[in-house]
Amino acid sequence: MIIPVRCFTCGALIGDKWEEFIKRVKNGEDPGKVLDDLGVKRYCCRRMFLSHVELIDELIRLEMARSKYSKSRGKMKF
């Protein structure tokens, strides 16, 4: 959901680089070059950035839909 503070494999700090990485990639820069510029050299750390999926926005959207449904139809059972 949110980027881990440390790499799962080597324990290097990576959480502090996430915001800069996302900002630059959204502006059209190559993710590999951005990671090089940020000093992320190990492939284990690089995969933490490249394979990360932000799910929090999707979960919020689904919770809001569930809440609307519960109000209009009664309680939803899971």
PDB file of N, CA and C in Angstrom:
ATOM      1  N   MET A   1       0.822  -1.183   0.000  1.00  0.00           N
ATOM      2  CA  MET A   1       0.000   0.000   0.000  1.00  0.00           C
ATOM      3  C   MET A   1       0.871   1.253   0.000  1.00  0.00           C
ATOM      4  N   ILE A   2       1.760   1.382   0.959  1.00  0.00           N
ATOM      5  CA  ILE A   2       2.715   2.473   0.931  1.00  0.00           C
ATOM      6  C   ILE A   2       4.095   1.845   0.845  1.00  0.00           C
ATOM      7  N   ILE A   3       4.999   2.575   0.253  1.00  0.00           N
ATOM      8  CA  ILE A   3       6.337   2.016   0.035  1.00  0.00           C
ATOM      9  C   ILE A   3       6.986   1.688   1.385  1.00  0.00           C
ATOM     10  N   PRO A   4       7.594   0.521   1.505  1.00  0.00           N
ATOM     11  CA  PRO A   4       8.283   0.180   2.752  1.00  0.00           C
ATOM     12  C   PRO A   4       9.452   1.137   3.018  1.00  0.00           C
ATOM     13  N   VAL A   5       9.785   1.319   4.264  1.00  0.00           N
ATOM     14  CA  VAL A   5      10.887   2.202   4.636  1.00  0.00           C
ATOM     15  C   VAL A   5      12.218   1.599   4.204  1.00  0.00           C
ATOM     16  N   ARG A   6      12.345   0.290   4.317  1.00  0.00           N
ATOM     17  CA  ARG A   6      13.592  -0.395   3.973  1.00  0.00           C
ATOM     18  C   ARG A   6      13.341  -1.479   2.932  1.00  0.00           C
ATOM     19  N   CYS A   7      14.373  -1.776   2.178  1.00  0.00           N
ATOM     20  CA  CYS A   7      14.319  -2.866   1.201  1.00  0.00           C
ATOM     21  C   CYS A   7      14.122  -4.183   1.947  1.00  0.00           C
ATOM     22  N   PHE A   8      13.255  -5.027   1.438  1.00  0.00           N
ATOM     23  CA  PHE A   8      12.990  -6.305   2.093  1.00  0.00           C
ATOM     24  C   PHE A   8      14.216  -7.216   2.101  1.00  0.00           C
ATOM     25  N   THR A   9      15.058  -7.112   1.086  1.00  0.00           N
ATOM     26  CA  THR A   9      16.187  -8.026   0.938  1.00  0.00           C
ATOM     27  C   THR A   9      17.439  -7.568   1.682  1.00  0.00           C
ATOM     28  N   CYS A  10      17.874  -6.327   1.416  1.00  0.00           N
ATOM     29  CA  CYS A  10      19.154  -5.880   1.976  1.00  0.00           C
ATOM     30  C   CYS A  10      19.012  -4.920   3.151  1.00  0.00           C
ATOM     31  N   GLY A  11      17.834  -4.377   3.370  1.00  0.00           N
ATOM     32  CA  GLY A  11      17.614  -3.488   4.496  1.00  0.00           C
ATOM     33  C   GLY A  11      18.010  -2.039   4.269  1.00  0.00           C
ATOM     34  N   ALA A  12      18.375  -1.684   3.045  1.00  0.00           N
ATOM     35  CA  ALA A  12      18.756  -0.300   2.751  1.00  0.00           C
ATOM     36  C   ALA A  12      17.536   0.618   2.850  1.00  0.00           C
ATOM     37  N   LEU A  13      17.773   1.861   3.254  1.00  0.00           N
ATOM     38  CA  LEU A  13      16.688   2.834   3.327  1.00  0.00           C
ATOM     39  C   LEU A  13      16.233   3.222   1.927  1.00  0.00           C
ATOM     40  N   ILE A  14      14.944   3.080   1.659  1.00  0.00           N
ATOM     41  CA  ILE A  14      14.414   3.450   0.343  1.00  0.00           C
ATOM     42  C   ILE A  14      13.186   4.343   0.446  1.00  0.00           C
ATOM     43  N   GLY A  15      12.521   4.362   1.576  1.00  0.00           N
ATOM     44  CA  GLY A  15      11.272   5.105   1.734  1.00  0.00           C
ATOM     45  C   GLY A  15      11.420   6.600   1.520  1.00  0.00           C
ATOM     46  N   ASP A  16      12.588   7.135   1.821  1.00  0.00           N
ATOM     47  CA  ASP A  16      12.797   8.576   1.678  1.00  0.00           C
ATOM     48  C   ASP A  16      12.965   9.007   0.223  1.00  0.00           C
ATOM     49  N   LYS A  17      13.137   8.067  -0.676  1.00  0.00           N
ATOM     50  CA  LYS A  17      13.342   8.383  -2.086  1.00  0.00           C
ATOM     51  C   LYS A  17      12.062   8.249  -2.918  1.00  0.00           C
ATOM     52  N   TRP A  18      11.011   7.706  -2.342  1.00  0.00           N
ATOM     53  CA  TRP A  18       9.791   7.393  -3.078  1.00  0.00           C
ATOM     54  C   TRP A  18       9.124   8.620  -3.693  1.00  0.00           C
ATOM     55  N   GLU A  19       8.931   9.680  -2.928  1.00  0.00           N
ATOM     56  CA  GLU A  19       8.239  10.873  -3.429  1.00  0.00           C
ATOM     57  C   GLU A  19       8.964  11.476  -4.635  1.00  0.00           C
ATOM     58  N   GLU A  20      10.282  11.594  -4.528  1.00  0.00           N
ATOM     59  CA  GLU A  20      11.077  12.140  -5.636  1.00  0.00           C
ATOM     60  C   GLU A  20      10.980  11.233  -6.862  1.00  0.00           C
ATOM     61  N   PHE A  21      11.047   9.918  -6.632  1.00  0.00           N
ATOM     62  CA  PHE A  21      10.946   8.953  -7.732  1.00  0.00           C
ATOM     63  C   PHE A  21       9.618   9.107  -8.464  1.00  0.00           C
ATOM     64  N   ILE A  22       8.526   9.113  -7.734  1.00  0.00           N
ATOM     65  CA  ILE A  22       7.192   9.213  -8.348  1.00  0.00           C
ATOM     66  C   ILE A  22       7.028  10.532  -9.091  1.00  0.00           C
ATOM     67  N   LYS A  23       7.465  11.629  -8.477  1.00  0.00           N
ATOM     68  CA  LYS A  23       7.325  12.948  -9.095  1.00  0.00           C
ATOM     69  C   LYS A  23       8.058  12.999 -10.435  1.00  0.00           C
ATOM     70  N   ARG A  24       9.269  12.499 -10.454  1.00  0.00           N
ATOM     71  CA  ARG A  24      10.067  12.563 -11.679  1.00  0.00           C
ATOM     72  C   ARG A  24       9.555  11.611 -12.752  1.00  0.00           C
ATOM     73  N   VAL A  25       9.092  10.423 -12.357  1.00  0.00           N
ATOM     74  CA  VAL A  25       8.553   9.470 -13.341  1.00  0.00           C
ATOM     75  C   VAL A  25       7.256  10.014 -13.943  1.00  0.00           C
ATOM     76  N   LYS A  26       6.414  10.632 -13.127  1.00  0.00           N
ATOM     77  CA  LYS A  26       5.170  11.218 -13.649  1.00  0.00           C
ATOM     78  C   LYS A  26       5.454  12.379 -14.598  1.00  0.00           C
ATOM     79  N   ASN A  27       6.602  13.029 -14.440  1.00  0.00           N
ATOM     80  CA  ASN A  27       6.990  14.107 -15.350  1.00  0.00           C
ATOM     81  C   ASN A  27       7.622  13.583 -16.628  1.00  0.00           C
ATOM     82  N   GLY A  28       7.709  12.267 -16.776  1.00  0.00           N
ATOM     83  CA  GLY A  28       8.159  11.671 -18.026  1.00  0.00           C
ATOM     84  C   GLY A  28       9.586  11.169 -18.065  1.00  0.00           C
ATOM     85  N   GLU A  29      10.296  11.228 -16.964  1.00  0.00           N
ATOM     86  CA  GLU A  29      11.667  10.728 -16.947  1.00  0.00           C
ATOM     87  C   GLU A  29      11.692   9.204 -16.928  1.00  0.00           C
ATOM     88  N   ASP A  30      12.768   8.641 -17.424  1.00  0.00           N
ATOM     89  CA  ASP A  30      12.960   7.199 -17.433  1.00  0.00           C
ATOM     90  C   ASP A  30      13.173   6.705 -15.998  1.00  0.00           C
ATOM     91  N   PRO A  31      12.387   5.704 -15.550  1.00  0.00           N
ATOM     92  CA  PRO A  31      12.529   5.209 -14.167  1.00  0.00           C
ATOM     93  C   PRO A  31      13.943   4.718 -13.831  1.00  0.00           C
ATOM     94  N   GLY A  32      14.609   4.074 -14.775  1.00  0.00           N
ATOM     95  CA  GLY A  32      15.962   3.596 -14.517  1.00  0.00           C
ATOM     96  C   GLY A  32      16.939   4.733 -14.266  1.00  0.00           C
ATOM     97  N   LYS A  33      16.828   5.797 -15.049  1.00  0.00           N
ATOM     98  CA  LYS A  33      17.706   6.955 -14.875  1.00  0.00           C
ATOM     99  C   LYS A  33      17.416   7.656 -13.550  1.00  0.00           C
ATOM    100  N   VAL A  34      16.138   7.742 -13.189  1.00  0.00           N
ATOM    101  CA  VAL A  34      15.771   8.371 -11.917  1.00  0.00           C
ATOM    102  C   VAL A  34      16.365   7.588 -10.758  1.00  0.00           C
ATOM    103  N   LEU A  35      16.269   6.271 -10.805  1.00  0.00           N
ATOM    104  CA  LEU A  35      16.836   5.445  -9.739  1.00  0.00           C
ATOM    105  C   LEU A  35      18.352   5.602  -9.674  1.00  0.00           C
ATOM    106  N   ASP A  36      19.002   5.702 -10.829  1.00  0.00           N
ATOM    107  CA  ASP A  36      20.447   5.946 -10.843  1.00  0.00           C
ATOM    108  C   ASP A  36      20.783   7.276 -10.184  1.00  0.00           C
ATOM    109  N   ASP A  37      20.028   8.317 -10.528  1.00  0.00           N
ATOM    110  CA  ASP A  37      20.258   9.646  -9.962  1.00  0.00           C
ATOM    111  C   ASP A  37      20.036   9.677  -8.451  1.00  0.00           C
ATOM    112  N   LEU A  38      19.080   8.891  -7.973  1.00  0.00           N
ATOM    113  CA  LEU A  38      18.779   8.846  -6.548  1.00  0.00           C
ATOM    114  C   LEU A  38      19.759   7.964  -5.771  1.00  0.00           C
ATOM    115  N   GLY A  39      20.633   7.277  -6.483  1.00  0.00           N
ATOM    116  CA  GLY A  39      21.628   6.440  -5.823  1.00  0.00           C
ATOM    117  C   GLY A  39      21.143   5.044  -5.485  1.00  0.00           C
ATOM    118  N   VAL A  40      20.067   4.606  -6.105  1.00  0.00           N
ATOM    119  CA  VAL A  40      19.537   3.256  -5.874  1.00  0.00           C
ATOM    120  C   VAL A  40      20.207   2.341  -6.886  1.00  0.00           C
ATOM    121  N   LYS A  41      21.234   1.617  -6.454  1.00  0.00           N
ATOM    122  CA  LYS A  41      22.059   0.808  -7.363  1.00  0.00           C
ATOM    123  C   LYS A  41      21.729  -0.682  -7.306  1.00  0.00           C
ATOM    124  N   ARG A  42      21.395  -1.198  -6.136  1.00  0.00           N
ATOM    125  CA  ARG A  42      21.144  -2.637  -5.996  1.00  0.00           C
ATOM    126  C   ARG A  42      19.828  -3.026  -6.674  1.00  0.00           C
ATOM    127  N   TYR A  43      19.842  -4.154  -7.358  1.00  0.00           N
ATOM    128  CA  TYR A  43      18.640  -4.584  -8.066  1.00  0.00           C
ATOM    129  C   TYR A  43      17.506  -4.949  -7.109  1.00  0.00           C
ATOM    130  N   CYS A  44      17.835  -5.361  -5.889  1.00  0.00           N
ATOM    131  CA  CYS A  44      16.780  -5.681  -4.927  1.00  0.00           C
ATOM    132  C   CYS A  44      16.023  -4.418  -4.518  1.00  0.00           C
ATOM    133  N   CYS A  45      16.755  -3.317  -4.363  1.00  0.00           N
ATOM    134  CA  CYS A  45      16.120  -2.041  -4.010  1.00  0.00           C
ATOM    135  C   CYS A  45      15.348  -1.474  -5.198  1.00  0.00           C
ATOM    136  N   ARG A  46      15.924  -1.623  -6.394  1.00  0.00           N
ATOM    137  CA  ARG A  46      15.274  -1.102  -7.599  1.00  0.00           C
ATOM    138  C   ARG A  46      13.928  -1.789  -7.834  1.00  0.00           C
ATOM    139  N   ARG A  47      13.866  -3.089  -7.569  1.00  0.00           N
ATOM    140  CA  ARG A  47      12.593  -3.786  -7.782  1.00  0.00           C
ATOM    141  C   ARG A  47      11.525  -3.328  -6.790  1.00  0.00           C
ATOM    142  N   MET A  48      11.955  -2.844  -5.623  1.00  0.00           N
ATOM    143  CA  MET A  48      10.984  -2.321  -4.656  1.00  0.00           C
ATOM    144  C   MET A  48      10.258  -1.115  -5.247  1.00  0.00           C
ATOM    145  N   PHE A  49      10.968  -0.274  -5.979  1.00  0.00           N
ATOM    146  CA  PHE A  49      10.368   0.895  -6.616  1.00  0.00           C
ATOM    147  C   PHE A  49       9.564   0.494  -7.845  1.00  0.00           C
ATOM    148  N   LEU A  50      10.154  -0.326  -8.699  1.00  0.00           N
ATOM    149  CA  LEU A  50       9.543  -0.635  -9.989  1.00  0.00           C
ATOM    150  C   LEU A  50       8.335  -1.551  -9.882  1.00  0.00           C
ATOM    151  N   SER A  51       8.263  -2.361  -8.843  1.00  0.00           N
ATOM    152  CA  SER A  51       7.142  -3.293  -8.723  1.00  0.00           C
ATOM    153  C   SER A  51       6.072  -2.834  -7.730  1.00  0.00           C
ATOM    154  N   HIS A  52       6.283  -1.686  -7.099  1.00  0.00           N
ATOM    155  CA  HIS A  52       5.329  -1.201  -6.099  1.00  0.00           C
ATOM    156  C   HIS A  52       4.029  -0.742  -6.752  1.00  0.00           C
ATOM    157  N   VAL A  53       2.890  -1.101  -6.160  1.00  0.00           N
ATOM    158  CA  VAL A  53       1.578  -0.704  -6.651  1.00  0.00           C
ATOM    159  C   VAL A  53       0.858   0.045  -5.536  1.00  0.00           C
ATOM    160  N   GLU A  54       0.423   1.264  -5.821  1.00  0.00           N
ATOM    161  CA  GLU A  54      -0.322   2.057  -4.844  1.00  0.00           C
ATOM    162  C   GLU A  54      -1.782   1.589  -4.837  1.00  0.00           C
ATOM    163  N   LEU A  55      -2.201   0.948  -3.779  1.00  0.00           N
ATOM    164  CA  LEU A  55      -3.559   0.434  -3.670  1.00  0.00           C
ATOM    165  C   LEU A  55      -4.456   1.286  -2.783  1.00  0.00           C
ATOM    166  N   ILE A  56      -3.910   2.212  -2.042  1.00  0.00           N
ATOM    167  CA  ILE A  56      -4.696   2.946  -1.062  1.00  0.00           C
ATOM    168  C   ILE A  56      -5.825   3.736  -1.716  1.00  0.00           C
ATOM    169  N   ASP A  57      -5.566   4.346  -2.877  1.00  0.00           N
ATOM    170  CA  ASP A  57      -6.615   5.099  -3.569  1.00  0.00           C
ATOM    171  C   ASP A  57      -7.757   4.181  -3.996  1.00  0.00           C
ATOM    172  N   GLU A  58      -7.417   2.992  -4.462  1.00  0.00           N
ATOM    173  CA  GLU A  58      -8.435   2.018  -4.880  1.00  0.00           C
ATOM    174  C   GLU A  58      -9.256   1.548  -3.675  1.00  0.00           C
ATOM    175  N   LEU A  59      -8.602   1.315  -2.551  1.00  0.00           N
ATOM    176  CA  LEU A  59      -9.322   0.882  -1.349  1.00  0.00           C
ATOM    177  C   LEU A  59     -10.269   1.970  -0.839  1.00  0.00           C
ATOM    178  N   ILE A  60      -9.843   3.207  -0.902  1.00  0.00           N
ATOM    179  CA  ILE A  60     -10.706   4.310  -0.474  1.00  0.00           C
ATOM    180  C   ILE A  60     -11.928   4.398  -1.371  1.00  0.00           C
ATOM    181  N   ARG A  61     -11.706   4.272  -2.677  1.00  0.00           N
ATOM    182  CA  ARG A  61     -12.821   4.321  -3.624  1.00  0.00           C
ATOM    183  C   ARG A  61     -13.828   3.193  -3.367  1.00  0.00           C
ATOM    184  N   LEU A  62     -13.330   1.995  -3.120  1.00  0.00           N
ATOM    185  CA  LEU A  62     -14.216   0.863  -2.855  1.00  0.00           C
ATOM    186  C   LEU A  62     -14.968   1.027  -1.532  1.00  0.00           C
ATOM    187  N   GLU A  63     -14.304   1.554  -0.531  1.00  0.00           N
ATOM    188  CA  GLU A  63     -14.959   1.779   0.759  1.00  0.00           C
ATOM    189  C   GLU A  63     -16.068   2.815   0.632  1.00  0.00           C
ATOM    190  N   MET A  64     -15.831   3.855  -0.149  1.00  0.00           N
ATOM    191  CA  MET A  64     -16.864   4.875  -0.352  1.00  0.00           C
ATOM    192  C   MET A  64     -18.061   4.288  -1.090  1.00  0.00           C
ATOM    193  N   ALA A  65     -17.818   3.433  -2.078  1.00  0.00           N
ATOM    194  CA  ALA A  65     -18.908   2.780  -2.811  1.00  0.00           C
ATOM    195  C   ALA A  65     -19.693   1.858  -1.884  1.00  0.00           C
ATOM    196  N   ARG A  66     -18.974   1.130  -1.031  1.00  0.00           N
ATOM    197  CA  ARG A  66     -19.645   0.227  -0.083  1.00  0.00           C
ATOM    198  C   ARG A  66     -20.501   1.023   0.905  1.00  0.00           C
ATOM    199  N   SER A  67     -19.974   2.140   1.346  1.00  0.00           N
ATOM    200  CA  SER A  67     -20.692   2.994   2.283  1.00  0.00           C
ATOM    201  C   SER A  67     -21.970   3.547   1.653  1.00  0.00           C
ATOM    202  N   LYS A  68     -21.892   3.988   0.406  1.00  0.00           N
ATOM    203  CA  LYS A  68     -23.081   4.484  -0.301  1.00  0.00           C
ATOM    204  C   LYS A  68     -24.118   3.384  -0.440  1.00  0.00           C
ATOM    205  N   TYR A  69     -23.651   2.177  -0.801  1.00  0.00           N
ATOM    206  CA  TYR A  69     -24.560   1.056  -0.971  1.00  0.00           C
ATOM    207  C   TYR A  69     -25.233   0.702   0.352  1.00  0.00           C
ATOM    208  N   SER A  70     -24.479   0.712   1.431  1.00  0.00           N
ATOM    209  CA  SER A  70     -25.031   0.382   2.744  1.00  0.00           C
ATOM    210  C   SER A  70     -26.110   1.367   3.153  1.00  0.00           C
ATOM    211  N   LYS A  71     -25.912   2.625   2.861  1.00  0.00           N
ATOM    212  CA  LYS A  71     -26.901   3.644   3.210  1.00  0.00           C
ATOM    213  C   LYS A  71     -28.166   3.521   2.380  1.00  0.00           C
ATOM    214  N   SER A  72     -28.032   3.151   1.112  1.00  0.00           N
ATOM    215  CA  SER A  72     -29.197   3.099   0.237  1.00  0.00           C
ATOM    216  C   SER A  72     -29.948   1.774   0.294  1.00  0.00           C
ATOM    217  N   ARG A  73     -29.294   0.679   0.602  1.00  0.00           N
ATOM    218  CA  ARG A  73     -29.907  -0.645   0.558  1.00  0.00           C
ATOM    219  C   ARG A  73     -29.960  -1.360   1.883  1.00  0.00           C
ATOM    220  N   GLY A  74     -29.373  -0.836   2.879  1.00  0.00           N
ATOM    221  CA  GLY A  74     -29.257  -1.566   4.137  1.00  0.00           C
ATOM    222  C   GLY A  74     -27.850  -2.107   4.272  1.00  0.00           C
ATOM    223  N   LYS A  75     -27.619  -2.834   5.317  1.00  0.00           N
ATOM    224  CA  LYS A  75     -26.269  -3.334   5.589  1.00  0.00           C
ATOM    225  C   LYS A  75     -25.839  -4.377   4.557  1.00  0.00           C
ATOM    226  N   MET A  76     -24.600  -4.263   4.136  1.00  0.00           N
ATOM    227  CA  MET A  76     -24.003  -5.217   3.222  1.00  0.00           C
ATOM    228  C   MET A  76     -23.302  -6.294   4.035  1.00  0.00           C
ATOM    229  N   LYS A  77     -23.485  -7.546   3.676  1.00  0.00           N
ATOM    230  CA  LYS A  77     -22.846  -8.639   4.407  1.00  0.00           C
ATOM    231  C   LYS A  77     -21.623  -9.106   3.650  1.00  0.00           C
ATOM    232  N   PHE A  78     -20.530  -9.308   4.393  1.00  0.00           N
ATOM    233  CA  PHE A  78     -19.293  -9.808   3.779  1.00  0.00           C
ATOM    234  C   PHE A  78     -18.974 -11.154   4.348  1.00  0.00           C
TER     235      PHE A  78
END
